[in-house]
Amino acid sequence: MPINPEYATAYIRYQTYGKTFTPEEGLKQGTIFPELRDHWVN
């Protein structure tokens, strides 16, 4: 984040990509990012 952020401006941290699902598994899981998978839904 900037030291003096401006009002009404979105600041989003850069995401570091780790492990990803294969395209086939991503279709089954609904995402290719394991961190975004909802563990409460099968």
PDB file of N, CA and C in Angstrom:
ATOM      1  N   MET A   1       0.840  -1.188   0.000  1.00  0.00           N
ATOM      2  CA  MET A   1       0.000   0.000   0.000  1.00  0.00           C
ATOM      3  C   MET A   1       0.879   1.242   0.000  1.00  0.00           C
ATOM      4  N   PRO A   2       0.409   2.276  -0.663  1.00  0.00           N
ATOM      5  CA  PRO A   2       1.146   3.535  -0.652  1.00  0.00           C
ATOM      6  C   PRO A   2       1.162   4.156   0.745  1.00  0.00           C
ATOM      7  N   ILE A   3       2.139   4.981   0.992  1.00  0.00           N
ATOM      8  CA  ILE A   3       2.233   5.665   2.285  1.00  0.00           C
ATOM      9  C   ILE A   3       1.094   6.660   2.447  1.00  0.00           C
ATOM     10  N   ASN A   4       0.759   7.397   1.403  1.00  0.00           N
ATOM     11  CA  ASN A   4      -0.328   8.378   1.431  1.00  0.00           C
ATOM     12  C   ASN A   4      -1.383   7.997   0.394  1.00  0.00           C
ATOM     13  N   PRO A   5      -2.229   7.017   0.685  1.00  0.00           N
ATOM     14  CA  PRO A   5      -3.218   6.601  -0.313  1.00  0.00           C
ATOM     15  C   PRO A   5      -4.257   7.692  -0.565  1.00  0.00           C
ATOM     16  N   GLU A   6      -4.742   7.757  -1.803  1.00  0.00           N
ATOM     17  CA  GLU A   6      -5.779   8.722  -2.151  1.00  0.00           C
ATOM     18  C   GLU A   6      -7.143   8.140  -1.813  1.00  0.00           C
ATOM     19  N   TYR A   7      -8.095   9.013  -1.500  1.00  0.00           N
ATOM     20  CA  TYR A   7      -9.449   8.573  -1.209  1.00  0.00           C
ATOM     21  C   TYR A   7     -10.117   8.054  -2.477  1.00  0.00           C
ATOM     22  N   ALA A   8     -11.027   7.107  -2.312  1.00  0.00           N
ATOM     23  CA  ALA A   8     -11.839   6.551  -3.393  1.00  0.00           C
ATOM     24  C   ALA A   8     -11.004   5.876  -4.475  1.00  0.00           C
ATOM     25  N   THR A   9      -9.844   5.382  -4.103  1.00  0.00           N
ATOM     26  CA  THR A   9      -9.012   4.639  -5.032  1.00  0.00           C
ATOM     27  C   THR A   9      -8.768   3.261  -4.434  1.00  0.00           C
ATOM     28  N   ALA A  10      -9.041   2.230  -5.205  1.00  0.00           N
ATOM     29  CA  ALA A  10      -8.855   0.863  -4.713  1.00  0.00           C
ATOM     30  C   ALA A  10      -7.384   0.477  -4.790  1.00  0.00           C
ATOM     31  N   TYR A  11      -6.894  -0.098  -3.730  1.00  0.00           N
ATOM     32  CA  TYR A  11      -5.536  -0.613  -3.693  1.00  0.00           C
ATOM     33  C   TYR A  11      -5.626  -2.084  -3.355  1.00  0.00           C
ATOM     34  N   ILE A  12      -5.135  -2.909  -4.241  1.00  0.00           N
ATOM     35  CA  ILE A  12      -5.227  -4.353  -4.071  1.00  0.00           C
ATOM     36  C   ILE A  12      -3.819  -4.922  -4.094  1.00  0.00           C
ATOM     37  N   ARG A  13      -3.524  -5.772  -3.143  1.00  0.00           N
ATOM     38  CA  ARG A  13      -2.211  -6.404  -3.112  1.00  0.00           C
ATOM     39  C   ARG A  13      -2.060  -7.357  -4.292  1.00  0.00           C
ATOM     40  N   TYR A  14      -0.849  -7.478  -4.773  1.00  0.00           N
ATOM     41  CA  TYR A  14      -0.574  -8.433  -5.830  1.00  0.00           C
ATOM     42  C   TYR A  14      -0.721  -9.841  -5.280  1.00  0.00           C
ATOM     43  N   GLN A  15      -1.310 -10.709  -6.070  1.00  0.00           N
ATOM     44  CA  GLN A  15      -1.491 -12.089  -5.649  1.00  0.00           C
ATOM     45  C   GLN A  15      -0.340 -12.920  -6.176  1.00  0.00           C
ATOM     46  N   THR A  16       0.257 -13.703  -5.297  1.00  0.00           N
ATOM     47  CA  THR A  16       1.283 -14.636  -5.740  1.00  0.00           C
ATOM     48  C   THR A  16       0.607 -15.961  -6.027  1.00  0.00           C
ATOM     49  N   TYR A  17       0.865 -16.475  -7.194  1.00  0.00           N
ATOM     50  CA  TYR A  17       0.227 -17.717  -7.599  1.00  0.00           C
ATOM     51  C   TYR A  17       1.045 -18.894  -7.113  1.00  0.00           C
ATOM     52  N   GLY A  18       0.364 -19.833  -6.506  1.00  0.00           N
ATOM     53  CA  GLY A  18       1.005 -21.050  -6.046  1.00  0.00           C
ATOM     54  C   GLY A  18       0.546 -22.205  -6.903  1.00  0.00           C
ATOM     55  N   LYS A  19       0.091 -23.224  -6.248  1.00  0.00           N
ATOM     56  CA  LYS A  19      -0.386 -24.415  -6.933  1.00  0.00           C
ATOM     57  C   LYS A  19      -1.699 -24.110  -7.651  1.00  0.00           C
ATOM     58  N   THR A  20      -1.899 -24.722  -8.808  1.00  0.00           N
ATOM     59  CA  THR A  20      -3.161 -24.615  -9.530  1.00  0.00           C
ATOM     60  C   THR A  20      -3.627 -26.004  -9.916  1.00  0.00           C
ATOM     61  N   PHE A  21      -4.940 -26.148 -10.051  1.00  0.00           N
ATOM     62  CA  PHE A  21      -5.497 -27.396 -10.540  1.00  0.00           C
ATOM     63  C   PHE A  21      -5.262 -27.504 -12.041  1.00  0.00           C
ATOM     64  N   THR A  22      -5.311 -28.718 -12.559  1.00  0.00           N
ATOM     65  CA  THR A  22      -5.291 -28.913 -14.004  1.00  0.00           C
ATOM     66  C   THR A  22      -6.587 -28.337 -14.564  1.00  0.00           C
ATOM     67  N   PRO A  23      -6.647 -28.048 -15.861  1.00  0.00           N
ATOM     68  CA  PRO A  23      -7.904 -27.530 -16.423  1.00  0.00           C
ATOM     69  C   PRO A  23      -9.097 -28.453 -16.171  1.00  0.00           C
ATOM     70  N   GLU A  24      -8.884 -29.756 -16.273  1.00  0.00           N
ATOM     71  CA  GLU A  24      -9.981 -30.700 -16.039  1.00  0.00           C
ATOM     72  C   GLU A  24     -10.454 -30.648 -14.590  1.00  0.00           C
ATOM     73  N   GLU A  25      -9.502 -30.632 -13.655  1.00  0.00           N
ATOM     74  CA  GLU A  25      -9.863 -30.566 -12.232  1.00  0.00           C
ATOM     75  C   GLU A  25     -10.467 -29.207 -11.904  1.00  0.00           C
ATOM     76  N   GLY A  26      -9.979 -28.162 -12.544  1.00  0.00           N
ATOM     77  CA  GLY A  26     -10.539 -26.830 -12.336  1.00  0.00           C
ATOM     78  C   GLY A  26     -12.003 -26.760 -12.728  1.00  0.00           C
ATOM     79  N   LEU A  27     -12.372 -27.435 -13.822  1.00  0.00           N
ATOM     80  CA  LEU A  27     -13.785 -27.479 -14.211  1.00  0.00           C
ATOM     81  C   LEU A  27     -14.619 -28.202 -13.164  1.00  0.00           C
ATOM     82  N   LYS A  28     -14.082 -29.271 -12.595  1.00  0.00           N
ATOM     83  CA  LYS A  28     -14.813 -30.018 -11.558  1.00  0.00           C
ATOM     84  C   LYS A  28     -14.953 -29.196 -10.277  1.00  0.00           C
ATOM     85  N   GLN A  29     -13.877 -28.483  -9.909  1.00  0.00           N
ATOM     86  CA  GLN A  29     -13.853 -27.737  -8.649  1.00  0.00           C
ATOM     87  C   GLN A  29     -14.499 -26.359  -8.764  1.00  0.00           C
ATOM     88  N   GLY A  30     -14.624 -25.846  -9.988  1.00  0.00           N
ATOM     89  CA  GLY A  30     -15.186 -24.512 -10.176  1.00  0.00           C
ATOM     90  C   GLY A  30     -14.153 -23.404 -10.119  1.00  0.00           C
ATOM     91  N   THR A  31     -12.888 -23.750  -9.961  1.00  0.00           N
ATOM     92  CA  THR A  31     -11.785 -22.789  -9.934  1.00  0.00           C
ATOM     93  C   THR A  31     -10.496 -23.542 -10.185  1.00  0.00           C
ATOM     94  N   ILE A  32      -9.485 -22.845 -10.700  1.00  0.00           N
ATOM     95  CA  ILE A  32      -8.180 -23.490 -10.852  1.00  0.00           C
ATOM     96  C   ILE A  32      -7.283 -23.209  -9.651  1.00  0.00           C
ATOM     97  N   PHE A  33      -7.754 -22.359  -8.733  1.00  0.00           N
ATOM     98  CA  PHE A  33      -6.965 -21.992  -7.562  1.00  0.00           C
ATOM     99  C   PHE A  33      -7.480 -22.730  -6.322  1.00  0.00           C
ATOM    100  N   PRO A  34      -6.684 -23.644  -5.766  1.00  0.00           N
ATOM    101  CA  PRO A  34      -7.128 -24.394  -4.582  1.00  0.00           C
ATOM    102  C   PRO A  34      -7.527 -23.495  -3.408  1.00  0.00           C
ATOM    103  N   GLU A  35      -6.898 -22.321  -3.275  1.00  0.00           N
ATOM    104  CA  GLU A  35      -7.212 -21.421  -2.161  1.00  0.00           C
ATOM    105  C   GLU A  35      -8.628 -20.878  -2.241  1.00  0.00           C
ATOM    106  N   LEU A  36      -9.201 -20.848  -3.451  1.00  0.00           N
ATOM    107  CA  LEU A  36     -10.547 -20.301  -3.622  1.00  0.00           C
ATOM    108  C   LEU A  36     -11.631 -21.366  -3.551  1.00  0.00           C
ATOM    109  N   ARG A  37     -11.249 -22.613  -3.443  1.00  0.00           N
ATOM    110  CA  ARG A  37     -12.220 -23.700  -3.404  1.00  0.00           C
ATOM    111  C   ARG A  37     -13.001 -23.652  -2.099  1.00  0.00           C
ATOM    112  N   ASP A  38     -14.304 -23.797  -2.199  1.00  0.00           N
ATOM    113  CA  ASP A  38     -15.171 -23.811  -1.023  1.00  0.00           C
ATOM    114  C   ASP A  38     -15.196 -25.230  -0.471  1.00  0.00           C
ATOM    115  N   HIS A  39     -14.584 -25.443   0.680  1.00  0.00           N
ATOM    116  CA  HIS A  39     -14.470 -26.786   1.247  1.00  0.00           C
ATOM    117  C   HIS A  39     -15.780 -27.298   1.836  1.00  0.00           C
ATOM    118  N   TRP A  40     -16.777 -26.443   1.956  1.00  0.00           N
ATOM    119  CA  TRP A  40     -18.055 -26.874   2.506  1.00  0.00           C
ATOM    120  C   TRP A  40     -18.972 -27.437   1.432  1.00  0.00           C
ATOM    121  N   VAL A  41     -18.600 -27.249   0.165  1.00  0.00           N
ATOM    122  CA  VAL A  41     -19.407 -27.744  -0.949  1.00  0.00           C
ATOM    123  C   VAL A  41     -18.644 -28.872  -1.608  1.00  0.00           C
ATOM    124  N   ASN A  42     -19.346 -29.957  -1.914  1.00  0.00           N
ATOM    125  CA  ASN A  42     -18.656 -31.093  -2.558  1.00  0.00           C
ATOM    126  C   ASN A  42     -18.405 -30.832  -3.989  1.00  0.00           C
TER     127      ASN A  42
END
